[in-house]
C-alpha atoms as a PDB file:
ATOM      1  CA  MET A   1    -215.954 -60.425 117.147  1.00  0.00           C
ATOM      2  CA  PRO A   2    -218.398 -57.824 115.925  1.00  0.00           C
ATOM      3  CA  GLU A   3    -222.066 -58.464 116.328  1.00  0.00           C
ATOM      4  CA  PRO A   4    -223.773 -59.751 114.236  1.00  0.00           C
ATOM      5  CA  TYR A   5    -220.906 -61.820 113.048  1.00  0.00           C
ATOM      6  CA  ASN A   6    -221.375 -64.471 110.137  1.00  0.00           C
ATOM      7  CA  GLY A   7    -217.790 -65.195 109.286  1.00  0.00           C
ATOM      8  CA  PRO A   8    -215.601 -66.106 107.604  1.00  0.00           C
ATOM      9  CA  PHE A   9    -214.476 -68.303 110.370  1.00  0.00           C
ATOM     10  CA  LYS A  10    -210.748 -69.079 110.398  1.00  0.00           C
ATOM     11  CA  THR A  11    -210.864 -71.844 113.040  1.00  0.00           C
ATOM     12  CA  ARG A  12    -213.153 -74.251 114.670  1.00  0.00           C
ATOM     13  CA  ASP A  13    -212.422 -72.350 118.078  1.00  0.00           C
ATOM     14  CA  GLU A  14    -213.613 -69.104 116.431  1.00  0.00           C
ATOM     15  CA  ALA A  15    -216.903 -70.797 115.322  1.00  0.00           C
ATOM     16  CA  PHE A  16    -217.205 -72.436 118.748  1.00  0.00           C
ATOM     17  CA  ALA A  17    -217.016 -68.990 120.365  1.00  0.00           C
ATOM     18  CA  HIS A  18    -219.861 -67.571 118.194  1.00  0.00           C
ATOM     19  CA  PRO A  19    -222.586 -66.323 120.684  1.00  0.00           C
ATOM     20  CA  GLU A  20    -225.227 -68.457 118.751  1.00  0.00           C
ATOM     21  CA  VAL A  21    -223.239 -71.605 119.303  1.00  0.00           C
ATOM     22  CA  ARG A  22    -222.764 -70.791 122.904  1.00  0.00           C
ATOM     23  CA  ARG A  23    -226.586 -70.270 123.212  1.00  0.00           C
ATOM     24  CA  ILE A  24    -227.374 -73.477 121.639  1.00  0.00           C
ATOM     25  CA  TYR A  25    -224.980 -75.476 123.850  1.00  0.00           C
ATOM     26  CA  GLN A  26    -226.492 -73.657 126.847  1.00  0.00           C
ATOM     27  CA  ALA A  27    -230.013 -74.558 125.851  1.00  0.00           C
ATOM     28  CA  MET A  28    -228.940 -78.206 125.477  1.00  0.00           C
ATOM     29  CA  HIS A  29    -227.313 -78.160 128.859  1.00  0.00           C
ATOM     30  CA  GLU A  30    -230.356 -76.613 130.583  1.00  0.00           C
ATOM     31  CA  SER A  31    -232.950 -78.936 129.013  1.00  0.00           C
ATOM     32  CA  PRO A  32    -233.864 -82.355 130.317  1.00  0.00           C
ATOM     33  CA  HIS A  33    -234.934 -83.375 126.885  1.00  0.00           C
ATOM     34  CA  ARG A  34    -232.958 -84.934 124.129  1.00  0.00           C
ATOM     35  CA  GLY A  35    -232.876 -83.387 120.652  1.00  0.00           C
ATOM     36  CA  VAL A  36    -232.629 -79.809 121.796  1.00  0.00           C
ATOM     37  CA  GLY A  37    -229.551 -79.238 119.926  1.00  0.00           C
ATOM     38  CA  ASP A  38    -230.730 -80.648 116.683  1.00  0.00           C
ATOM     39  CA  ALA A  39    -233.882 -78.444 116.941  1.00  0.00           C
ATOM     40  CA  GLU A  40    -231.777 -75.292 117.744  1.00  0.00           C
ATOM     41  CA  ASN A  41    -229.499 -76.056 114.842  1.00  0.00           C
ATOM     42  CA  LEU A  42    -232.266 -76.530 112.426  1.00  0.00           C
ATOM     43  CA  ARG A  43    -233.907 -73.245 113.461  1.00  0.00           C
ATOM     44  CA  LEU A  44    -230.578 -71.530 113.011  1.00  0.00           C
ATOM     45  CA  LEU A  45    -230.163 -72.919 109.367  1.00  0.00           C
ATOM     46  CA  GLU A  46    -233.716 -72.212 108.554  1.00  0.00           C
ATOM     47  CA  ARG A  47    -233.625 -68.749 109.748  1.00  0.00           C
ATOM     48  CA  ALA A  48    -230.330 -68.216 107.717  1.00  0.00           C
ATOM     49  CA  CYS A  49    -232.049 -69.434 104.531  1.00  0.00           C
ATOM     50  CA  GLU A  50    -235.025 -67.278 105.234  1.00  0.00           C
ATOM     51  CA  ALA A  51    -232.940 -64.197 105.693  1.00  0.00           C
ATOM     52  CA  ALA A  52    -230.979 -64.874 102.389  1.00  0.00           C
ATOM     53  CA  GLY A  53    -234.288 -65.366 100.536  1.00  0.00           C
ATOM     54  CA  VAL A  54    -233.545 -69.066  99.799  1.00  0.00           C
ATOM     55  CA  GLN A  55    -236.786 -71.050  99.138  1.00  0.00           C
ATOM     56  CA  LEU A  56    -236.626 -74.568 100.646  1.00  0.00           C
ATOM     57  CA  GLY A  57    -238.010 -77.529  98.935  1.00  0.00           C
ATOM     58  CA  ALA A  58    -238.878 -80.919 100.942  1.00  0.00           C
ATOM     59  CA  TYR A  59    -235.454 -82.398  99.924  1.00  0.00           C
ATOM     60  CA  ASP A  60    -233.711 -79.188 101.019  1.00  0.00           C
ATOM     61  CA  LEU A  61    -235.376 -79.353 104.311  1.00  0.00           C
ATOM     62  CA  ARG A  62    -234.397 -83.119 104.694  1.00  0.00           C
ATOM     63  CA  VAL A  63    -230.730 -81.984 104.080  1.00  0.00           C
ATOM     64  CA  LEU A  64    -230.996 -79.213 106.548  1.00  0.00           C
ATOM     65  CA  ARG A  65    -232.416 -81.710 109.197  1.00  0.00           C
ATOM     66  CA  TRP A  66    -229.309 -83.909 108.601  1.00  0.00           C
ATOM     67  CA  LEU A  67    -226.913 -81.036 108.767  1.00  0.00           C
ATOM     68  CA  ALA A  68    -228.812 -79.891 112.046  1.00  0.00           C
ATOM     69  CA  SER A  69    -227.579 -83.283 113.717  1.00  0.00           C
ATOM     70  CA  TRP A  70    -223.922 -82.074 113.505  1.00  0.00           C
ATOM     71  CA  GLU A  71    -222.309 -79.750 116.205  1.00  0.00           C
ATOM     72  CA  ALA A  72    -223.565 -76.217 116.541  1.00  0.00           C
ATOM     73  CA  GLU A  73    -220.363 -74.895 115.395  1.00  0.00           C
ATOM     74  CA  MET A  74    -220.640 -76.666 112.095  1.00  0.00           C
ATOM     75  CA  CYS A  75    -224.111 -75.334 111.648  1.00  0.00           C
ATOM     76  CA  VAL A  76    -223.071 -71.684 112.390  1.00  0.00           C
ATOM     77  CA  VAL A  77    -220.569 -71.884 109.726  1.00  0.00           C
ATOM     78  CA  VAL A  78    -223.126 -73.234 107.204  1.00  0.00           C
ATOM     79  CA  ALA A  79    -225.573 -70.537 108.339  1.00  0.00           C
ATOM     80  CA  GLY A  80    -222.711 -67.964 107.861  1.00  0.00           C
ATOM     81  CA  LEU A  81    -221.903 -69.257 104.305  1.00  0.00           C
ATOM     82  CA  VAL A  82    -225.710 -68.963 103.464  1.00  0.00           C
ATOM     83  CA  ALA A  83    -225.955 -65.533 104.997  1.00  0.00           C
ATOM     84  CA  ARG A  84    -222.819 -64.297 103.161  1.00  0.00           C
ATOM     85  CA  ALA A  85    -224.098 -65.778  99.911  1.00  0.00           C
ATOM     86  CA  GLY A  86    -227.408 -64.056 100.358  1.00  0.00           C
ATOM     87  CA  ILE A  87    -225.759 -60.677 100.996  1.00  0.00           C
ATOM     88  CA  CYS A  88    -223.632 -60.959  97.830  1.00  0.00           C
ATOM     89  CA  ALA A  89    -226.727 -62.047  95.809  1.00  0.00           C
ATOM     90  CA  ASN A  90    -228.761 -59.077  97.114  1.00  0.00           C
ATOM     91  CA  GLY A  91    -226.040 -56.655  96.655  1.00  0.00           C
ATOM     92  CA  SER A  92    -226.316 -55.607 100.265  1.00  0.00           C
ATOM     93  CA  SER A  93    -223.354 -54.704 102.653  1.00  0.00           C
ATOM     94  CA  ALA A  94    -225.486 -55.395 105.706  1.00  0.00           C
ATOM     95  CA  GLN A  95    -224.690 -58.293 107.983  1.00  0.00           C
ATOM     96  CA  MET A  96    -227.182 -60.923 108.962  1.00  0.00           C
ATOM     97  CA  PRO A  97    -230.006 -59.490 111.030  1.00  0.00           C
ATOM     98  CA  ARG A  98    -229.651 -59.313 114.774  1.00  0.00           C
ATOM     99  CA  ALA A  99    -231.718 -62.114 115.950  1.00  0.00           C
ATOM    100  CA  ALA A 100    -230.872 -64.083 118.782  1.00  0.00           C
ATOM    101  CA  THR A 101    -228.063 -61.791 118.571  1.00  0.00           C
ATOM    102  CA  SER A 102    -226.321 -62.631 115.455  1.00  0.00           C
ATOM    103  CA  LEU A 103    -228.391 -65.453 113.993  1.00  0.00           C
ATOM    104  CA  THR A 104    -230.916 -65.994 116.546  1.00  0.00           C
ATOM    105  CA  THR A 105    -233.953 -63.917 116.583  1.00  0.00           C
ATOM    106  CA  SER A 106    -234.893 -62.566 113.196  1.00  0.00           C
ATOM    107  CA  LEU A 107    -233.342 -64.948 111.032  1.00  0.00           C
END
C-alpha cells in the first residue's frame, strides 16, 4: 500500500491493515484507560475533515463522535472518503498529508 493511502479500500482486511488502524489498535492495547480508541478515531476523523477544508458544526461533531465509537477500520474508510472528496473538490492530485503516517500527524 503506498503511503499515505486513503483508499479506495476493496475489503475490510485492506482497511484493517492500514497503518493508522494498526496505530490506533496499538494505542488501545497499550493504554490502561478505556475510550482510547474512540478518542483516536475522533482525532482521525477530525483531521481528515480539517485537511479537506470541511467546516464542522456542533451536530457534525456529534455525528463524528458517534462514528468514532465504531471500529478503527470503519473510521479510516470514512476518513479516506472525506480526504478523497476533498482532493476532488480542491482539484488537487495530492494524497492526504503524511501525518501519523497517512492520516495521523498533520490531518
